[in-house]
All heavy atoms as atom14 arrays in JSON, in Angstrom:
{
  "sequence": "LVGLRRSGMAPEEINAVKRAVNHMRADMPREDLLAVLDELAETSEAVG",
  "atom14_mask": [
    [1, 1, 1, 1, 1, 1, 1, 1, 0, 0, 0, 0, 0, 0],
    [1, 1, 1, 1, 1, 1, 1, 0, 0, 0, 0, 0, 0, 0],
    [1, 1, 1, 1, 0, 0, 0, 0, 0, 0, 0, 0, 0, 0],
    [1, 1, 1, 1, 1, 1, 1, 1, 0, 0, 0, 0, 0, 0],
    [1, 1, 1, 1, 1, 1, 1, 1, 1, 1, 1, 0, 0, 0],
    [1, 1, 1, 1, 1, 1, 1, 1, 1, 1, 1, 0, 0, 0],
    [1, 1, 1, 1, 1, 1, 0, 0, 0, 0, 0, 0, 0, 0],
    [1, 1, 1, 1, 0, 0, 0, 0, 0, 0, 0, 0, 0, 0],
    [1, 1, 1, 1, 1, 1, 1, 1, 0, 0, 0, 0, 0, 0],
    [1, 1, 1, 1, 1, 0, 0, 0, 0, 0, 0, 0, 0, 0],
    [1, 1, 1, 1, 1, 1, 1, 0, 0, 0, 0, 0, 0, 0],
    [1, 1, 1, 1, 1, 1, 1, 1, 1, 0, 0, 0, 0, 0],
    [1, 1, 1, 1, 1, 1, 1, 1, 1, 0, 0, 0, 0, 0],
    [1, 1, 1, 1, 1, 1, 1, 1, 0, 0, 0, 0, 0, 0],
    [1, 1, 1, 1, 1, 1, 1, 1, 0, 0, 0, 0, 0, 0],
    [1, 1, 1, 1, 1, 0, 0, 0, 0, 0, 0, 0, 0, 0],
    [1, 1, 1, 1, 1, 1, 1, 0, 0, 0, 0, 0, 0, 0],
    [1, 1, 1, 1, 1, 1, 1, 1, 1, 0, 0, 0, 0, 0],
    [1, 1, 1, 1, 1, 1, 1, 1, 1, 1, 1, 0, 0, 0],
    [1, 1, 1, 1, 1, 0, 0, 0, 0, 0, 0, 0, 0, 0],
    [1, 1, 1, 1, 1, 1, 1, 0, 0, 0, 0, 0, 0, 0],
    [1, 1, 1, 1, 1, 1, 1, 1, 0, 0, 0, 0, 0, 0],
    [1, 1, 1, 1, 1, 1, 1, 1, 1, 1, 0, 0, 0, 0],
    [1, 1, 1, 1, 1, 1, 1, 1, 0, 0, 0, 0, 0, 0],
    [1, 1, 1, 1, 1, 1, 1, 1, 1, 1, 1, 0, 0, 0],
    [1, 1, 1, 1, 1, 0, 0, 0, 0, 0, 0, 0, 0, 0],
    [1, 1, 1, 1, 1, 1, 1, 1, 0, 0, 0, 0, 0, 0],
    [1, 1, 1, 1, 1, 1, 1, 1, 0, 0, 0, 0, 0, 0],
    [1, 1, 1, 1, 1, 1, 1, 0, 0, 0, 0, 0, 0, 0],
    [1, 1, 1, 1, 1, 1, 1, 1, 1, 1, 1, 0, 0, 0],
    [1, 1, 1, 1, 1, 1, 1, 1, 1, 0, 0, 0, 0, 0],
    [1, 1, 1, 1, 1, 1, 1, 1, 0, 0, 0, 0, 0, 0],
    [1, 1, 1, 1, 1, 1, 1, 1, 0, 0, 0, 0, 0, 0],
    [1, 1, 1, 1, 1, 1, 1, 1, 0, 0, 0, 0, 0, 0],
    [1, 1, 1, 1, 1, 0, 0, 0, 0, 0, 0, 0, 0, 0],
    [1, 1, 1, 1, 1, 1, 1, 0, 0, 0, 0, 0, 0, 0],
    [1, 1, 1, 1, 1, 1, 1, 1, 0, 0, 0, 0, 0, 0],
    [1, 1, 1, 1, 1, 1, 1, 1, 0, 0, 0, 0, 0, 0],
    [1, 1, 1, 1, 1, 1, 1, 1, 1, 0, 0, 0, 0, 0],
    [1, 1, 1, 1, 1, 1, 1, 1, 0, 0, 0, 0, 0, 0],
    [1, 1, 1, 1, 1, 0, 0, 0, 0, 0, 0, 0, 0, 0],
    [1, 1, 1, 1, 1, 1, 1, 1, 1, 0, 0, 0, 0, 0],
    [1, 1, 1, 1, 1, 1, 1, 0, 0, 0, 0, 0, 0, 0],
    [1, 1, 1, 1, 1, 1, 0, 0, 0, 0, 0, 0, 0, 0],
    [1, 1, 1, 1, 1, 1, 1, 1, 1, 0, 0, 0, 0, 0],
    [1, 1, 1, 1, 1, 0, 0, 0, 0, 0, 0, 0, 0, 0],
    [1, 1, 1, 1, 1, 1, 1, 0, 0, 0, 0, 0, 0, 0],
    [1, 1, 1, 1, 0, 0, 0, 0, 0, 0, 0, 0, 0, 0]
  ],
  "atom14_positions": [
    [[-44.65, 243.72, -125.31], [-45.55, 242.72, -124.73], [-44.79, 241.54, -124.11], [-45.16, 241.05, -123.05], [-46.51, 242.22, -125.8], [-47.48, 243.27, -126.36], [-48.36, 242.66, -127.45], [-48.32, 243.87, -125.26], [0.0, 0.0, 0.0], [0.0, 0.0, 0.0], [0.0, 0.0, 0.0], [0.0, 0.0, 0.0], [0.0, 0.0, 0.0], [0.0, 0.0, 0.0]],
    [[-43.73, 241.1, -124.77], [-42.97, 239.98, -124.22], [-42.36, 240.36, -122.88], [-42.46, 239.62, -121.89], [-41.87, 239.54, -125.21], [-40.96, 238.5, -124.57], [-42.49, 238.97, -126.48], [0.0, 0.0, 0.0], [0.0, 0.0, 0.0], [0.0, 0.0, 0.0], [0.0, 0.0, 0.0], [0.0, 0.0, 0.0], [0.0, 0.0, 0.0], [0.0, 0.0, 0.0]],
    [[-41.76, 241.54, -122.83], [-41.16, 242.0, -121.58], [-42.2, 242.19, -120.48], [-41.95, 241.86, -119.31], [0.0, 0.0, 0.0], [0.0, 0.0, 0.0], [0.0, 0.0, 0.0], [0.0, 0.0, 0.0], [0.0, 0.0, 0.0], [0.0, 0.0, 0.0], [0.0, 0.0, 0.0], [0.0, 0.0, 0.0], [0.0, 0.0, 0.0], [0.0, 0.0, 0.0]],
    [[-43.36, 242.73, -120.83], [-44.4, 242.96, -119.84], [-44.92, 241.64, -119.27], [-45.13, 241.5, -118.06], [-45.55, 243.75, -120.46], [-45.21, 245.18, -120.91], [-46.44, 245.84, -121.52], [-44.68, 246.0, -119.77], [0.0, 0.0, 0.0], [0.0, 0.0, 0.0], [0.0, 0.0, 0.0], [0.0, 0.0, 0.0], [0.0, 0.0, 0.0], [0.0, 0.0, 0.0]],
    [[-45.13, 240.65, -120.14], [-45.61, 239.35, -119.66], [-44.57, 238.67, -118.78], [-44.89, 238.11, -117.73], [-45.97, 238.46, -120.85], [-47.22, 238.94, -121.59], [-47.39, 238.23, -122.9], [-48.53, 238.75, -123.66], [-48.59, 238.81, -124.98], [-47.57, 238.38, -125.7], [-49.66, 239.3, -125.58], [0.0, 0.0, 0.0], [0.0, 0.0, 0.0], [0.0, 0.0, 0.0]],
    [[-43.31, 238.75, -119.19], [-42.25, 238.15, -118.39], [-42.11, 238.84, -117.03], [-41.68, 238.22, -116.05], [-40.92, 238.22, -119.14], [-40.83, 237.25, -120.31], [-39.53, 237.43, -121.06], [-39.4, 236.47, -122.14], [-38.42, 236.47, -123.05], [-37.47, 237.42, -122.98], [-38.37, 235.57, -123.99], [0.0, 0.0, 0.0], [0.0, 0.0, 0.0], [0.0, 0.0, 0.0]],
    [[-42.45, 240.12, -116.97], [-42.33, 240.85, -115.71], [-43.41, 240.47, -114.72], [-43.33, 240.85, -113.54], [-42.4, 242.36, -115.98], [-43.73, 242.76, -116.28], [0.0, 0.0, 0.0], [0.0, 0.0, 0.0], [0.0, 0.0, 0.0], [0.0, 0.0, 0.0], [0.0, 0.0, 0.0], [0.0, 0.0, 0.0], [0.0, 0.0, 0.0], [0.0, 0.0, 0.0]],
    [[-44.44, 239.77, -115.19], [-45.54, 239.41, -114.32], [-46.63, 240.45, -114.23], [-47.52, 240.35, -113.38], [0.0, 0.0, 0.0], [0.0, 0.0, 0.0], [0.0, 0.0, 0.0], [0.0, 0.0, 0.0], [0.0, 0.0, 0.0], [0.0, 0.0, 0.0], [0.0, 0.0, 0.0], [0.0, 0.0, 0.0], [0.0, 0.0, 0.0], [0.0, 0.0, 0.0]],
    [[-46.61, 241.44, -115.11], [-47.65, 242.47, -115.09], [-49.01, 241.85, -115.37], [-49.16, 240.98, -116.22], [-47.33, 243.56, -116.12], [-48.33, 244.7, -116.14], [-47.91, 246.0, -117.34], [-46.54, 246.81, -116.5], [0.0, 0.0, 0.0], [0.0, 0.0, 0.0], [0.0, 0.0, 0.0], [0.0, 0.0, 0.0], [0.0, 0.0, 0.0], [0.0, 0.0, 0.0]],
    [[-50.02, 242.31, -114.64], [-51.37, 241.79, -114.79], [-51.91, 242.07, -116.19], [-51.62, 243.1, -116.78], [-52.28, 242.41, -113.74], [0.0, 0.0, 0.0], [0.0, 0.0, 0.0], [0.0, 0.0, 0.0], [0.0, 0.0, 0.0], [0.0, 0.0, 0.0], [0.0, 0.0, 0.0], [0.0, 0.0, 0.0], [0.0, 0.0, 0.0], [0.0, 0.0, 0.0]],
    [[-52.73, 241.14, -116.73], [-53.26, 241.33, -118.08], [-54.01, 242.65, -118.27], [-53.91, 243.27, -119.34], [-54.19, 240.12, -118.26], [-53.64, 239.08, -117.35], [-53.11, 239.82, -116.17], [0.0, 0.0, 0.0], [0.0, 0.0, 0.0], [0.0, 0.0, 0.0], [0.0, 0.0, 0.0], [0.0, 0.0, 0.0], [0.0, 0.0, 0.0], [0.0, 0.0, 0.0]],
    [[-54.77, 243.07, -117.26], [-55.51, 244.33, -117.41], [-54.57, 245.53, -117.51], [-54.86, 246.5, -118.21], [-56.51, 244.51, -116.27], [-55.9, 244.53, -114.87], [-55.84, 243.15, -114.25], [-55.88, 242.15, -114.99], [-55.74, 243.08, -113.0], [0.0, 0.0, 0.0], [0.0, 0.0, 0.0], [0.0, 0.0, 0.0], [0.0, 0.0, 0.0], [0.0, 0.0, 0.0]],
    [[-53.43, 245.44, -116.81], [-52.44, 246.52, -116.91], [-51.79, 246.51, -118.29], [-51.54, 247.57, -118.87], [-51.38, 246.37, -115.83], [-51.8, 246.87, -114.46], [-51.76, 248.39, -114.39], [-52.67, 249.02, -114.98], [-50.86, 248.96, -113.77], [0.0, 0.0, 0.0], [0.0, 0.0, 0.0], [0.0, 0.0, 0.0], [0.0, 0.0, 0.0], [0.0, 0.0, 0.0]],
    [[-51.5, 245.32, -118.8], [-50.91, 245.23, -120.13], [-51.86, 245.82, -121.17], [-51.44, 246.55, -122.08], [-50.57, 243.77, -120.46], [-49.43, 243.28, -119.55], [-50.18, 243.62, -121.93], [-49.09, 241.81, -119.74], [0.0, 0.0, 0.0], [0.0, 0.0, 0.0], [0.0, 0.0, 0.0], [0.0, 0.0, 0.0], [0.0, 0.0, 0.0], [0.0, 0.0, 0.0]],
    [[-53.15, 245.54, -121.05], [-54.12, 246.1, -121.98], [-54.16, 247.62, -121.89], [-54.28, 248.31, -122.91], [-55.51, 245.52, -121.71], [-55.61, 244.07, -122.14], [-54.9, 243.62, -123.05], [-56.49, 243.31, -121.49], [0.0, 0.0, 0.0], [0.0, 0.0, 0.0], [0.0, 0.0, 0.0], [0.0, 0.0, 0.0], [0.0, 0.0, 0.0], [0.0, 0.0, 0.0]],
    [[-54.05, 248.15, -120.68], [-54.04, 249.6, -120.51], [-52.8, 250.2, -121.15], [-52.86, 251.25, -121.81], [-54.1, 249.96, -119.02], [0.0, 0.0, 0.0], [0.0, 0.0, 0.0], [0.0, 0.0, 0.0], [0.0, 0.0, 0.0], [0.0, 0.0, 0.0], [0.0, 0.0, 0.0], [0.0, 0.0, 0.0], [0.0, 0.0, 0.0], [0.0, 0.0, 0.0]],
    [[-51.66, 249.54, -121.01], [-50.42, 250.01, -121.65], [-50.58, 249.99, -123.16], [-50.17, 250.94, -123.85], [-49.22, 249.15, -121.2], [-48.01, 249.43, -122.07], [-48.9, 249.41, -119.73], [0.0, 0.0, 0.0], [0.0, 0.0, 0.0], [0.0, 0.0, 0.0], [0.0, 0.0, 0.0], [0.0, 0.0, 0.0], [0.0, 0.0, 0.0], [0.0, 0.0, 0.0]],
    [[-51.17, 248.94, -123.7], [-51.38, 248.86, -125.15], [-52.22, 250.03, -125.64], [-51.91, 250.63, -126.69], [-52.03, 247.53, -125.51], [-51.11, 246.33, -125.37], [-51.85, 245.01, -125.45], [-52.52, 244.8, -126.78], [-53.19, 243.47, -126.86], [0.0, 0.0, 0.0], [0.0, 0.0, 0.0], [0.0, 0.0, 0.0], [0.0, 0.0, 0.0], [0.0, 0.0, 0.0]],
    [[-53.26, 250.37, -124.89], [-54.09, 251.51, -125.31], [-53.29, 252.8, -125.27], [-53.38, 253.63, -126.19], [-55.32, 251.61, -124.41], [-56.35, 250.5, -124.62], [-57.68, 250.81, -123.94], [-57.55, 250.8, -122.48], [-57.7, 249.71, -121.73], [-57.98, 248.54, -122.31], [-57.6, 249.79, -120.42], [0.0, 0.0, 0.0], [0.0, 0.0, 0.0], [0.0, 0.0, 0.0]],
    [[-52.5, 252.98, -124.22], [-51.69, 254.19, -124.11], [-50.67, 254.29, -125.24], [-50.48, 255.36, -125.84], [-50.99, 254.22, -122.75], [0.0, 0.0, 0.0], [0.0, 0.0, 0.0], [0.0, 0.0, 0.0], [0.0, 0.0, 0.0], [0.0, 0.0, 0.0], [0.0, 0.0, 0.0], [0.0, 0.0, 0.0], [0.0, 0.0, 0.0], [0.0, 0.0, 0.0]],
    [[-50.03, 253.17, -125.55], [-49.02, 253.17, -126.6], [-49.66, 253.46, -127.96], [-49.09, 254.19, -128.79], [-48.26, 251.83, -126.61], [-47.37, 251.71, -127.84], [-47.43, 251.69, -125.34], [0.0, 0.0, 0.0], [0.0, 0.0, 0.0], [0.0, 0.0, 0.0], [0.0, 0.0, 0.0], [0.0, 0.0, 0.0], [0.0, 0.0, 0.0], [0.0, 0.0, 0.0]],
    [[-50.84, 252.95, -128.2], [-51.53, 253.25, -129.46], [-51.8, 254.73, -129.61], [-51.69, 255.3, -130.71], [-52.84, 252.46, -129.54], [-52.62, 250.99, -129.82], [-51.58, 250.59, -130.35], [-53.59, 250.15, -129.45], [0.0, 0.0, 0.0], [0.0, 0.0, 0.0], [0.0, 0.0, 0.0], [0.0, 0.0, 0.0], [0.0, 0.0, 0.0], [0.0, 0.0, 0.0]],
    [[-52.15, 255.38, -128.51], [-52.35, 256.84, -128.56], [-51.03, 257.56, -128.84], [-51.01, 258.54, -129.6], [-52.96, 257.34, -127.25], [-54.42, 257.0, -127.1], [-55.4, 257.52, -127.91], [-55.06, 256.18, -126.21], [-56.58, 257.05, -127.54], [-56.41, 256.23, -126.52], [0.0, 0.0, 0.0], [0.0, 0.0, 0.0], [0.0, 0.0, 0.0], [0.0, 0.0, 0.0]],
    [[-49.94, 257.09, -128.23], [-48.65, 257.74, -128.49], [-48.22, 257.56, -129.94], [-47.62, 258.46, -130.53], [-47.59, 257.17, -127.54], [-47.72, 257.67, -126.11], [-46.33, 257.22, -125.06], [-46.63, 255.47, -124.85], [0.0, 0.0, 0.0], [0.0, 0.0, 0.0], [0.0, 0.0, 0.0], [0.0, 0.0, 0.0], [0.0, 0.0, 0.0], [0.0, 0.0, 0.0]],
    [[-48.54, 256.43, -130.53], [-48.18, 256.18, -131.91], [-49.03, 256.99, -132.89], [-48.69, 257.1, -134.07], [-48.29, 254.69, -132.24], [-47.32, 253.83, -131.45], [-47.36, 252.38, -131.9], [-46.76, 252.23, -133.21], [-47.41, 251.87, -134.3], [-48.73, 251.64, -134.25], [-46.8, 251.76, -135.46], [0.0, 0.0, 0.0], [0.0, 0.0, 0.0], [0.0, 0.0, 0.0]],
    [[-50.13, 257.56, -132.41], [-51.02, 258.33, -133.28], [-50.5, 259.73, -133.55], [-51.1, 260.48, -134.33], [-52.41, 258.41, -132.66], [0.0, 0.0, 0.0], [0.0, 0.0, 0.0], [0.0, 0.0, 0.0], [0.0, 0.0, 0.0], [0.0, 0.0, 0.0], [0.0, 0.0, 0.0], [0.0, 0.0, 0.0], [0.0, 0.0, 0.0], [0.0, 0.0, 0.0]],
    [[-49.4, 260.13, -132.89], [-48.79, 261.45, -133.11], [-49.76, 262.6, -132.87], [-49.76, 263.59, -133.6], [-48.2, 261.55, -134.52], [-46.99, 260.66, -134.69], [-46.13, 260.64, -133.78], [-46.88, 259.97, -135.73], [0.0, 0.0, 0.0], [0.0, 0.0, 0.0], [0.0, 0.0, 0.0], [0.0, 0.0, 0.0], [0.0, 0.0, 0.0], [0.0, 0.0, 0.0]],
    [[-50.62, 262.46, -131.86], [-51.52, 263.56, -131.53], [-50.75, 264.68, -130.84], [-49.64, 264.46, -130.35], [-52.65, 263.06, -130.63], [-52.2, 262.51, -129.29], [-53.59, 261.99, -128.24], [-54.36, 260.74, -129.26], [0.0, 0.0, 0.0], [0.0, 0.0, 0.0], [0.0, 0.0, 0.0], [0.0, 0.0, 0.0], [0.0, 0.0, 0.0], [0.0, 0.0, 0.0]],
    [[-51.29, 265.9, -130.81], [-50.62, 267.0, -130.12], [-50.33, 266.65, -128.66], [-51.07, 265.89, -128.02], [-51.62, 268.15, -130.23], [-52.43, 267.82, -131.45], [-52.54, 266.33, -131.48], [0.0, 0.0, 0.0], [0.0, 0.0, 0.0], [0.0, 0.0, 0.0], [0.0, 0.0, 0.0], [0.0, 0.0, 0.0], [0.0, 0.0, 0.0], [0.0, 0.0, 0.0]],
    [[-49.26, 267.21, -128.15], [-48.8, 266.88, -126.81], [-49.88, 267.09, -125.76], [-50.08, 266.24, -124.88], [-47.56, 267.72, -126.47], [-47.0, 267.48, -125.07], [-45.81, 268.4, -124.81], [-45.36, 268.3, -123.44], [-44.53, 267.38, -122.97], [-44.09, 266.44, -123.77], [-44.16, 267.38, -121.7], [0.0, 0.0, 0.0], [0.0, 0.0, 0.0], [0.0, 0.0, 0.0]],
    [[-50.59, 268.19, -125.84], [-51.62, 268.48, -124.84], [-52.73, 267.42, -124.87], [-53.22, 266.98, -123.83], [-52.21, 269.87, -125.06], [-51.23, 271.02, -124.82], [-50.24, 271.18, -125.96], [-50.44, 270.58, -127.04], [-49.24, 271.91, -125.77], [0.0, 0.0, 0.0], [0.0, 0.0, 0.0], [0.0, 0.0, 0.0], [0.0, 0.0, 0.0], [0.0, 0.0, 0.0]],
    [[-53.12, 267.02, -126.08], [-54.15, 266.0, -126.21], [-53.65, 264.65, -125.68], [-54.4, 263.92, -125.01], [-54.57, 265.85, -127.67], [-55.25, 267.1, -128.21], [-55.64, 267.97, -127.39], [-55.37, 267.22, -129.44], [0.0, 0.0, 0.0], [0.0, 0.0, 0.0], [0.0, 0.0, 0.0], [0.0, 0.0, 0.0], [0.0, 0.0, 0.0], [0.0, 0.0, 0.0]],
    [[-52.38, 264.32, -125.98], [-51.82, 263.06, -125.49], [-51.79, 263.04, -123.96], [-52.18, 262.04, -123.34], [-50.42, 262.87, -126.04], [-49.66, 261.66, -125.51], [-50.37, 260.37, -125.89], [-48.22, 261.66, -126.02], [0.0, 0.0, 0.0], [0.0, 0.0, 0.0], [0.0, 0.0, 0.0], [0.0, 0.0, 0.0], [0.0, 0.0, 0.0], [0.0, 0.0, 0.0]],
    [[-51.37, 264.13, -123.35], [-51.31, 264.18, -121.89], [-52.7, 264.01, -121.28], [-52.86, 263.34, -120.26], [-50.68, 265.49, -121.43], [-49.18, 265.62, -121.66], [-48.71, 267.03, -121.32], [-48.4, 264.6, -120.85], [0.0, 0.0, 0.0], [0.0, 0.0, 0.0], [0.0, 0.0, 0.0], [0.0, 0.0, 0.0], [0.0, 0.0, 0.0], [0.0, 0.0, 0.0]],
    [[-53.7, 264.58, -121.93], [-55.07, 264.44, -121.42], [-55.53, 263.0, -121.49], [-56.15, 262.48, -120.55], [-56.01, 265.35, -122.22], [0.0, 0.0, 0.0], [0.0, 0.0, 0.0], [0.0, 0.0, 0.0], [0.0, 0.0, 0.0], [0.0, 0.0, 0.0], [0.0, 0.0, 0.0], [0.0, 0.0, 0.0], [0.0, 0.0, 0.0], [0.0, 0.0, 0.0]],
    [[-55.22, 262.31, -122.6], [-55.62, 260.91, -122.74], [-54.89, 260.04, -121.72], [-55.48, 259.18, -121.06], [-55.33, 260.43, -124.18], [-55.48, 258.91, -124.27], [-56.26, 261.1, -125.17], [0.0, 0.0, 0.0], [0.0, 0.0, 0.0], [0.0, 0.0, 0.0], [0.0, 0.0, 0.0], [0.0, 0.0, 0.0], [0.0, 0.0, 0.0], [0.0, 0.0, 0.0]],
    [[-53.58, 260.26, -121.58], [-52.8, 259.47, -120.62], [-53.27, 259.72, -119.19], [-53.33, 258.78, -118.38], [-51.32, 259.81, -120.75], [-50.63, 259.4, -122.05], [-49.17, 259.88, -122.05], [-50.68, 257.89, -122.26], [0.0, 0.0, 0.0], [0.0, 0.0, 0.0], [0.0, 0.0, 0.0], [0.0, 0.0, 0.0], [0.0, 0.0, 0.0], [0.0, 0.0, 0.0]],
    [[-53.63, 260.95, -118.9], [-54.11, 261.28, -117.56], [-55.4, 260.51, -117.25], [-55.59, 259.99, -116.13], [-54.33, 262.79, -117.45], [-54.68, 263.21, -116.04], [-53.88, 262.99, -115.12], [-55.79, 263.75, -115.84], [0.0, 0.0, 0.0], [0.0, 0.0, 0.0], [0.0, 0.0, 0.0], [0.0, 0.0, 0.0], [0.0, 0.0, 0.0], [0.0, 0.0, 0.0]],
    [[-56.27, 260.41, -118.23], [-57.52, 259.67, -118.02], [-57.25, 258.18, -117.83], [-57.81, 257.55, -116.92], [-58.45, 259.89, -119.22], [-59.79, 259.18, -119.09], [-60.71, 259.46, -120.27], [-60.36, 260.31, -121.12], [-61.78, 258.82, -120.35], [0.0, 0.0, 0.0], [0.0, 0.0, 0.0], [0.0, 0.0, 0.0], [0.0, 0.0, 0.0], [0.0, 0.0, 0.0]],
    [[-56.37, 257.6, -118.68], [-56.06, 256.17, -118.56], [-55.33, 255.87, -117.24], [-55.51, 254.8, -116.66], [-55.2, 255.72, -119.74], [-55.88, 255.67, -121.11], [-54.86, 255.37, -122.19], [-56.98, 254.61, -121.11], [0.0, 0.0, 0.0], [0.0, 0.0, 0.0], [0.0, 0.0, 0.0], [0.0, 0.0, 0.0], [0.0, 0.0, 0.0], [0.0, 0.0, 0.0]],
    [[-54.54, 256.83, -116.76], [-53.76, 256.61, -115.55], [-54.62, 256.55, -114.3], [-54.16, 256.08, -113.25], [-52.72, 257.72, -115.4], [0.0, 0.0, 0.0], [0.0, 0.0, 0.0], [0.0, 0.0, 0.0], [0.0, 0.0, 0.0], [0.0, 0.0, 0.0], [0.0, 0.0, 0.0], [0.0, 0.0, 0.0], [0.0, 0.0, 0.0], [0.0, 0.0, 0.0]],
    [[-55.88, 257.0, -114.4], [-56.76, 256.93, -113.23], [-57.01, 255.49, -112.78], [-57.27, 255.25, -111.6], [-58.09, 257.62, -113.56], [-57.97, 259.14, -113.73], [-59.29, 259.77, -114.07], [-60.3, 259.04, -114.15], [-59.33, 261.01, -114.27], [0.0, 0.0, 0.0], [0.0, 0.0, 0.0], [0.0, 0.0, 0.0], [0.0, 0.0, 0.0], [0.0, 0.0, 0.0]],
    [[-56.91, 254.56, -113.73], [-57.17, 253.15, -113.39], [-55.97, 252.25, -113.69], [-56.09, 251.03, -113.62], [-58.39, 252.62, -114.17], [-58.17, 252.82, -115.58], [-59.66, 253.35, -113.74], [0.0, 0.0, 0.0], [0.0, 0.0, 0.0], [0.0, 0.0, 0.0], [0.0, 0.0, 0.0], [0.0, 0.0, 0.0], [0.0, 0.0, 0.0], [0.0, 0.0, 0.0]],
    [[-54.82, 252.85, -114.01], [-53.66, 252.03, -114.36], [-52.39, 252.66, -113.82], [-52.0, 253.76, -114.24], [-53.54, 251.88, -115.89], [-52.3, 251.32, -116.24], [0.0, 0.0, 0.0], [0.0, 0.0, 0.0], [0.0, 0.0, 0.0], [0.0, 0.0, 0.0], [0.0, 0.0, 0.0], [0.0, 0.0, 0.0], [0.0, 0.0, 0.0], [0.0, 0.0, 0.0]],
    [[-51.72, 251.96, -112.93], [-50.45, 252.44, -112.39], [-49.39, 252.48, -113.48], [-48.56, 253.39, -113.52], [-49.99, 251.53, -111.25], [-48.69, 251.96, -110.6], [-48.3, 251.06, -109.44], [-49.11, 250.19, -109.05], [-47.18, 251.22, -108.92], [0.0, 0.0, 0.0], [0.0, 0.0, 0.0], [0.0, 0.0, 0.0], [0.0, 0.0, 0.0], [0.0, 0.0, 0.0]],
    [[-49.39, 251.5, -114.38], [-48.4, 251.45, -115.44], [-48.53, 252.65, -116.38], [-47.53, 253.26, -116.78], [-48.52, 250.14, -116.23], [0.0, 0.0, 0.0], [0.0, 0.0, 0.0], [0.0, 0.0, 0.0], [0.0, 0.0, 0.0], [0.0, 0.0, 0.0], [0.0, 0.0, 0.0], [0.0, 0.0, 0.0], [0.0, 0.0, 0.0], [0.0, 0.0, 0.0]],
    [[-49.77, 253.0, -116.73], [-49.96, 254.19, -117.57], [-49.54, 255.44, -116.8], [-49.03, 256.41, -117.38], [-51.41, 254.3, -118.05], [-51.63, 255.58, -118.86], [-51.78, 253.09, -118.91], [0.0, 0.0, 0.0], [0.0, 0.0, 0.0], [0.0, 0.0, 0.0], [0.0, 0.0, 0.0], [0.0, 0.0, 0.0], [0.0, 0.0, 0.0], [0.0, 0.0, 0.0]],
    [[-49.7, 255.42, -115.48], [-49.2, 256.52, -114.67], [-47.7, 256.7, -114.83], [-47.19, 257.83, -114.85], [0.0, 0.0, 0.0], [0.0, 0.0, 0.0], [0.0, 0.0, 0.0], [0.0, 0.0, 0.0], [0.0, 0.0, 0.0], [0.0, 0.0, 0.0], [0.0, 0.0, 0.0], [0.0, 0.0, 0.0], [0.0, 0.0, 0.0], [0.0, 0.0, 0.0]]
  ]
}
């Protein structure tokens, strides 16, 4: 978060990254993780 804020990333992008990272920390199966990230990436370049 500190690095993202210092980089000037928009707050909505930072929130999208936080959601993506929470999914990665959940240790879900790879296929499920890719599906979640693909959905979040539709509205977030950073998640892309």
